[in-house]
Amino acid sequence: MEILNNQVNICPIITGILNSCLRKLILGTHLRTLDWSTLHEIRFVQREERTVGEIYHQVAAAIDDPQIRTMLTGIAREELEHYKFWAKYTGHDIAPDRLKVLVSSVLYGCWALLSR
């Protein structure tokens, strides 16, 4: 049985990586014994959580509707909690992917202008 349900709305590749990492962590594998590949996958997921959280935060800041802004801010907080979970295992603070954040912000801005 997979640890993460495939109904979660995330990329199947990330779902596979999360399942692999969580299995190793749940089965008692500690950071000292994680192989390089697994640690690399965890850092990738950690950075994605941070990046997506930053994107939600920026979009929320641009939203006028207070209910939607509150919802998006809550999602951004959840993504930050996921990031912190993985940071416990990597021991590193990883910056978000600024290029993805920038591109997402520009695309959202274009969409917002065109939808008016």
Protein backbone atom coordinates (compact mmCIF):
# COMPACT_ATOMS: atom_id res chain seq x y z
CA MET A 1 0.00 0.00 0.00
CA GLU A 2 1.33 3.42 -0.88
CA ILE A 3 1.85 5.90 1.92
CA LEU A 4 0.55 8.80 -0.14
CA ASN A 5 -2.74 8.42 -1.91
CA ASN A 6 -2.53 8.95 -5.67
CA GLN A 7 -5.60 11.18 -5.43
CA VAL A 8 -3.40 13.95 -4.01
CA ASN A 9 -3.16 16.64 -6.66
CA ILE A 10 0.61 16.58 -7.17
CA CYS A 11 2.91 15.35 -9.88
CA PRO A 12 3.23 11.52 -10.00
CA ILE A 13 7.04 11.81 -9.96
CA ILE A 14 6.95 13.77 -6.69
CA THR A 15 4.42 11.28 -5.29
CA GLY A 16 6.84 8.44 -6.09
CA ILE A 17 9.75 10.26 -4.49
CA LEU A 18 7.70 11.05 -1.38
CA ASN A 19 6.57 7.43 -1.08
CA SER A 20 10.13 6.19 -1.38
CA CYS A 21 11.49 8.67 1.17
CA LEU A 22 8.67 8.13 3.64
CA ARG A 23 9.02 4.35 3.44
CA LYS A 24 12.71 4.61 4.31
CA LEU A 25 12.05 7.03 7.16
CA ILE A 26 9.13 5.02 8.57
CA LEU A 27 11.14 1.81 8.39
CA GLY A 28 13.71 3.35 10.71
CA THR A 29 16.34 4.57 8.30
CA HIS A 30 18.10 7.58 9.79
CA LEU A 31 19.80 10.45 8.00
CA ARG A 32 23.24 9.02 8.74
CA THR A 33 22.40 5.84 6.85
CA LEU A 34 20.45 7.38 3.97
CA ASP A 35 22.18 6.91 0.67
CA TRP A 36 23.09 9.92 -1.42
CA SER A 37 20.24 9.30 -3.87
CA THR A 38 17.59 9.30 -1.14
CA LEU A 39 19.01 12.41 0.50
CA HIS A 40 19.04 14.12 -2.91
CA GLU A 41 15.37 13.19 -3.42
CA ILE A 42 14.45 14.53 0.02
CA ARG A 43 16.23 17.82 -0.71
CA PHE A 44 14.40 18.06 -4.04
CA VAL A 45 11.03 17.59 -2.31
CA GLN A 46 12.03 20.02 0.44
CA ARG A 47 12.85 22.70 -2.13
CA GLU A 48 9.61 22.07 -4.04
CA GLU A 49 7.59 22.50 -0.83
CA ARG A 50 9.37 25.80 -0.16
CA THR A 51 8.91 26.98 -3.75
CA VAL A 52 5.20 26.14 -3.91
CA GLY A 53 4.65 27.78 -0.52
CA GLU A 54 6.28 30.96 -1.78
CA ILE A 55 4.13 30.91 -4.93
CA TYR A 56 0.94 30.53 -2.88
CA HIS A 57 2.10 33.34 -0.60
CA GLN A 58 2.73 35.71 -3.51
CA VAL A 59 -0.55 34.89 -5.24
CA ALA A 60 -2.42 35.34 -1.94
CA ALA A 61 -0.87 38.79 -1.53
CA ALA A 62 -2.24 39.80 -4.94
CA ILE A 63 -5.82 38.60 -4.30
CA ASP A 64 -8.49 41.14 -3.35
CA ASP A 65 -11.08 38.67 -2.01
CA PRO A 66 -10.31 38.17 1.72
CA GLN A 67 -11.73 34.60 1.82
CA ILE A 68 -9.61 33.42 -1.09
CA ARG A 69 -6.58 35.27 0.29
CA THR A 70 -7.05 33.54 3.67
CA MET A 71 -7.39 30.14 2.00
CA LEU A 72 -4.24 30.62 -0.10
CA THR A 73 -2.31 31.91 2.91
CA GLY A 74 -3.35 28.77 4.79
CA ILE A 75 -2.11 26.58 1.95
CA ALA A 76 1.18 28.51 1.92
CA ARG A 77 1.53 27.83 5.67
CA GLU A 78 0.88 24.12 5.12
CA GLU A 79 3.56 23.99 2.43
CA LEU A 80 5.98 25.67 4.83
CA GLU A 81 5.19 23.01 7.46
CA HIS A 82 5.93 20.30 4.87
CA TYR A 83 9.22 22.06 4.13
CA LYS A 84 10.09 22.12 7.84
CA PHE A 85 9.27 18.41 8.13
CA TRP A 86 11.81 17.57 5.43
CA ALA A 87 14.35 20.07 6.84
CA LYS A 88 14.53 17.95 10.01
CA TYR A 89 15.95 15.13 7.90
CA THR A 90 18.26 17.13 5.67
CA GLY A 91 19.51 19.50 8.34
CA HIS A 92 19.59 22.28 5.74
CA ASP A 93 17.67 25.45 5.00
CA ILE A 94 17.00 25.35 1.26
CA ALA A 95 15.92 28.47 -0.62
CA PRO A 96 12.93 28.34 -2.96
CA ASP A 97 13.51 28.11 -6.69
CA ARG A 98 13.34 31.84 -7.45
CA LEU A 99 12.97 31.28 -11.19
CA LYS A 100 9.84 29.15 -10.69
CA VAL A 101 8.46 31.73 -8.27
CA LEU A 102 9.15 34.54 -10.76
CA VAL A 103 7.65 32.69 -13.73
CA SER A 104 4.57 31.73 -11.70
CA SER A 105 4.12 35.32 -10.53
CA VAL A 106 4.41 36.69 -14.06
CA LEU A 107 1.96 34.08 -15.41
CA TYR A 108 -0.51 34.85 -12.63
CA GLY A 109 -0.15 38.58 -13.30
CA CYS A 110 -0.82 38.07 -17.02
CA TRP A 111 -3.82 35.87 -16.27
CA ALA A 112 -5.19 38.45 -13.81
CA LEU A 113 -4.88 41.23 -16.39
CA LEU A 114 -6.50 39.18 -19.16
CA SER A 115 -9.38 38.00 -16.98
CA ARG A 116 -10.57 41.53 -16.14
